[in-house]
Amino acid sequence: QLVESGGGLVQAGDSLRLSCVASFSSYGMGWFRQGPGKEREYVAAIDWSGRTAYRDSVKGRFTISRDKAKNTLYLQMDSLKSEDTAVYYCATSGRLSTLEDDYLFWGQGTQVTVSS
């Protein structure tokens, strides 16, 4: 089970931190998002050793991290833009991956709305 939290309504330029608590440990974890009228897309991923990967549009603004002892994944989102508006999902994978098909378990999502 994966449970996301931390979403909300903010203004452009603001920050938010998303959390995802897992009921089990996983080698890889990632964040995805689905904006209104759009397909779900990869945002960031992290593996057990702490290696990270980001989609280009969030590099330098978002930071993915994890607390392995707490089985918790985080996404620090700074300098938010209106185009970041989406439902954000966390998911688990057996490796560091940017591919949705590599992720087996998914949370229910948390809404992030950025007003301009």
C-alpha atoms as a PDB file:
ATOM      1  CA  GLN A   1       0.000   0.000   0.000  1.00  0.00           C
ATOM      2  CA  LEU A   2       1.236   3.448  -0.928  1.00  0.00           C
ATOM      3  CA  VAL A   3      -0.320   6.584   0.535  1.00  0.00           C
ATOM      4  CA  GLU A   4       0.536  10.032  -0.808  1.00  0.00           C
ATOM      5  CA  SER A   5      -0.030  13.310   1.009  1.00  0.00           C
ATOM      6  CA  GLY A   6       1.021  16.935   0.866  1.00  0.00           C
ATOM      7  CA  GLY A   7      -0.831  18.169  -2.159  1.00  0.00           C
ATOM      8  CA  GLY A   8      -2.780  21.398  -2.211  1.00  0.00           C
ATOM      9  CA  LEU A   9      -3.500  24.707  -3.869  1.00  0.00           C
ATOM     10  CA  VAL A  10      -0.582  27.108  -4.128  1.00  0.00           C
ATOM     11  CA  GLN A  11       0.458  30.104  -6.182  1.00  0.00           C
ATOM     12  CA  ALA A  12       3.103  30.104  -8.886  1.00  0.00           C
ATOM     13  CA  GLY A  13       6.551  30.346  -7.333  1.00  0.00           C
ATOM     14  CA  ASP A  14       5.510  28.620  -4.121  1.00  0.00           C
ATOM     15  CA  SER A  15       6.798  25.309  -2.766  1.00  0.00           C
ATOM     16  CA  LEU A  16       5.200  22.045  -1.699  1.00  0.00           C
ATOM     17  CA  ARG A  17       6.554  18.791  -0.327  1.00  0.00           C
ATOM     18  CA  LEU A  18       4.804  15.570  -1.189  1.00  0.00           C
ATOM     19  CA  SER A  19       5.176  12.446   0.889  1.00  0.00           C
ATOM     20  CA  CYS A  20       4.449   8.815   0.111  1.00  0.00           C
ATOM     21  CA  VAL A  21       4.409   6.228   2.857  1.00  0.00           C
ATOM     22  CA  ALA A  22       4.822   2.629   1.741  1.00  0.00           C
ATOM     23  CA  SER A  23       3.857  -0.448   3.695  1.00  0.00           C
ATOM     24  CA  PHE A  24       6.894  -2.256   2.273  1.00  0.00           C
ATOM     25  CA  SER A  25      10.417  -1.465   1.134  1.00  0.00           C
ATOM     26  CA  SER A  26      11.268  -1.215  -2.540  1.00  0.00           C
ATOM     27  CA  TYR A  27      14.496  -0.879  -4.485  1.00  0.00           C
ATOM     28  CA  GLY A  28      13.198   1.857  -6.728  1.00  0.00           C
ATOM     29  CA  MET A  29      10.520   4.453  -6.192  1.00  0.00           C
ATOM     30  CA  GLY A  30       9.218   7.187  -8.381  1.00  0.00           C
ATOM     31  CA  TRP A  31       6.814  10.057  -8.797  1.00  0.00           C
ATOM     32  CA  PHE A  32       4.487  10.413 -11.760  1.00  0.00           C
ATOM     33  CA  ARG A  33       1.826  12.984 -12.537  1.00  0.00           C
ATOM     34  CA  GLN A  34      -1.234  13.375 -14.688  1.00  0.00           C
ATOM     35  CA  GLY A  35      -2.372  16.846 -15.624  1.00  0.00           C
ATOM     36  CA  PRO A  36      -5.890  17.736 -16.797  1.00  0.00           C
ATOM     37  CA  GLY A  37      -6.482  16.243 -20.220  1.00  0.00           C
ATOM     38  CA  LYS A  38      -3.002  14.760 -20.337  1.00  0.00           C
ATOM     39  CA  GLU A  39      -1.462  11.321 -20.102  1.00  0.00           C
ATOM     40  CA  ARG A  40       0.385  10.302 -16.977  1.00  0.00           C
ATOM     41  CA  GLU A  41       4.072  11.189 -17.158  1.00  0.00           C
ATOM     42  CA  TYR A  42       7.224  10.397 -15.243  1.00  0.00           C
ATOM     43  CA  VAL A  43       8.534  13.110 -12.912  1.00  0.00           C
ATOM     44  CA  ALA A  44      11.417  11.689 -10.854  1.00  0.00           C
ATOM     45  CA  ALA A  45      12.850   8.432  -9.601  1.00  0.00           C
ATOM     46  CA  ILE A  46      15.255   7.215  -6.946  1.00  0.00           C
ATOM     47  CA  ASP A  47      16.877   3.886  -6.198  1.00  0.00           C
ATOM     48  CA  TRP A  48      18.066   2.214  -3.025  1.00  0.00           C
ATOM     49  CA  SER A  49      21.562   3.705  -3.299  1.00  0.00           C
ATOM     50  CA  GLY A  50      20.175   7.203  -3.700  1.00  0.00           C
ATOM     51  CA  ARG A  51      20.720   7.627  -7.425  1.00  0.00           C
ATOM     52  CA  THR A  52      18.126   9.956  -8.881  1.00  0.00           C
ATOM     53  CA  ALA A  53      16.654  10.872 -12.226  1.00  0.00           C
ATOM     54  CA  TYR A  54      14.358  13.719 -13.275  1.00  0.00           C
ATOM     55  CA  ARG A  55      12.363  14.752 -16.285  1.00  0.00           C
ATOM     56  CA  ASP A  56      13.907  17.798 -17.891  1.00  0.00           C
ATOM     57  CA  SER A  57      11.084  20.200 -17.076  1.00  0.00           C
ATOM     58  CA  VAL A  58      11.525  19.752 -13.304  1.00  0.00           C
ATOM     59  CA  LYS A  59      15.315  19.596 -13.065  1.00  0.00           C
ATOM     60  CA  GLY A  60      16.608  22.233 -10.677  1.00  0.00           C
ATOM     61  CA  ARG A  61      13.137  22.779  -9.182  1.00  0.00           C
ATOM     62  CA  PHE A  62      12.131  19.368  -7.803  1.00  0.00           C
ATOM     63  CA  THR A  63      14.103  17.112  -5.478  1.00  0.00           C
ATOM     64  CA  ILE A  64      13.270  13.473  -4.850  1.00  0.00           C
ATOM     65  CA  SER A  65      14.468  11.809  -1.676  1.00  0.00           C
ATOM     66  CA  ARG A  66      13.623   8.883   0.549  1.00  0.00           C
ATOM     67  CA  ASP A  67      13.852   7.800   4.150  1.00  0.00           C
ATOM     68  CA  LYS A  68      14.504   4.079   3.921  1.00  0.00           C
ATOM     69  CA  ALA A  69      13.983   3.513   7.633  1.00  0.00           C
ATOM     70  CA  LYS A  70      10.479   4.944   7.343  1.00  0.00           C
ATOM     71  CA  ASN A  71       9.709   3.542   3.861  1.00  0.00           C
ATOM     72  CA  THR A  72       8.824   7.095   2.892  1.00  0.00           C
ATOM     73  CA  LEU A  73       9.374   8.858  -0.406  1.00  0.00           C
ATOM     74  CA  TYR A  74       9.416  12.640  -0.759  1.00  0.00           C
ATOM     75  CA  LEU A  75       9.174  15.139  -3.559  1.00  0.00           C
ATOM     76  CA  GLN A  76      10.231  18.684  -2.722  1.00  0.00           C
ATOM     77  CA  MET A  77       8.769  20.974  -5.344  1.00  0.00           C
ATOM     78  CA  ASP A  78      10.061  24.538  -5.531  1.00  0.00           C
ATOM     79  CA  SER A  79       9.353  27.376  -7.956  1.00  0.00           C
ATOM     80  CA  LEU A  80       6.087  25.758  -8.919  1.00  0.00           C
ATOM     81  CA  LYS A  81       4.518  26.670 -12.235  1.00  0.00           C
ATOM     82  CA  SER A  82       0.952  26.412 -13.467  1.00  0.00           C
ATOM     83  CA  GLU A  83       2.016  23.588 -15.775  1.00  0.00           C
ATOM     84  CA  ASP A  84       2.922  21.523 -12.705  1.00  0.00           C
ATOM     85  CA  THR A  85      -0.780  21.256 -11.901  1.00  0.00           C
ATOM     86  CA  ALA A  86      -1.608  17.551 -11.816  1.00  0.00           C
ATOM     87  CA  VAL A  87      -2.446  14.576  -9.703  1.00  0.00           C
ATOM     88  CA  TYR A  88       0.835  13.224  -8.394  1.00  0.00           C
ATOM     89  CA  TYR A  89       1.324   9.495  -7.876  1.00  0.00           C
ATOM     90  CA  CYS A  90       4.085   7.551  -6.201  1.00  0.00           C
ATOM     91  CA  ALA A  91       4.985   4.070  -7.337  1.00  0.00           C
ATOM     92  CA  THR A  92       7.482   1.288  -6.693  1.00  0.00           C
ATOM     93  CA  SER A  93       9.821  -0.492  -9.055  1.00  0.00           C
ATOM     94  CA  GLY A  94      12.550  -3.090  -8.994  1.00  0.00           C
ATOM     95  CA  ARG A  95      15.052  -0.647 -10.463  1.00  0.00           C
ATOM     96  CA  LEU A  96      15.750   2.996 -11.165  1.00  0.00           C
ATOM     97  CA  SER A  97      13.436   3.612 -14.086  1.00  0.00           C
ATOM     98  CA  THR A  98      11.680   6.373 -15.962  1.00  0.00           C
ATOM     99  CA  LEU A  99       9.264   3.913 -17.591  1.00  0.00           C
ATOM    100  CA  GLU A 100       5.747   3.607 -16.236  1.00  0.00           C
ATOM    101  CA  ASP A 101       5.621  -0.087 -17.173  1.00  0.00           C
ATOM    102  CA  ASP A 102       8.443  -0.822 -14.720  1.00  0.00           C
ATOM    103  CA  TYR A 103       6.343   0.310 -11.771  1.00  0.00           C
ATOM    104  CA  LEU A 104       4.150  -2.331 -10.167  1.00  0.00           C
ATOM    105  CA  PHE A 105       2.440  -0.708  -7.206  1.00  0.00           C
ATOM    106  CA  TRP A 106       0.819   2.715  -7.199  1.00  0.00           C
ATOM    107  CA  GLY A 107      -0.674   5.116  -4.702  1.00  0.00           C
ATOM    108  CA  GLN A 108      -4.043   6.791  -5.100  1.00  0.00           C
ATOM    109  CA  GLY A 109      -2.578  10.188  -5.938  1.00  0.00           C
ATOM    110  CA  THR A 110      -2.592  13.651  -4.418  1.00  0.00           C
ATOM    111  CA  GLN A 111      -3.774  16.780  -6.215  1.00  0.00           C
ATOM    112  CA  VAL A 112      -1.401  19.686  -6.755  1.00  0.00           C
ATOM    113  CA  THR A 113      -2.907  22.854  -8.172  1.00  0.00           C
ATOM    114  CA  VAL A 114      -0.730  25.845  -9.015  1.00  0.00           C
ATOM    115  CA  SER A 115      -2.507  29.101  -9.738  1.00  0.00           C
ATOM    116  CA  SER A 116      -0.796  31.710 -11.873  1.00  0.00           C
END
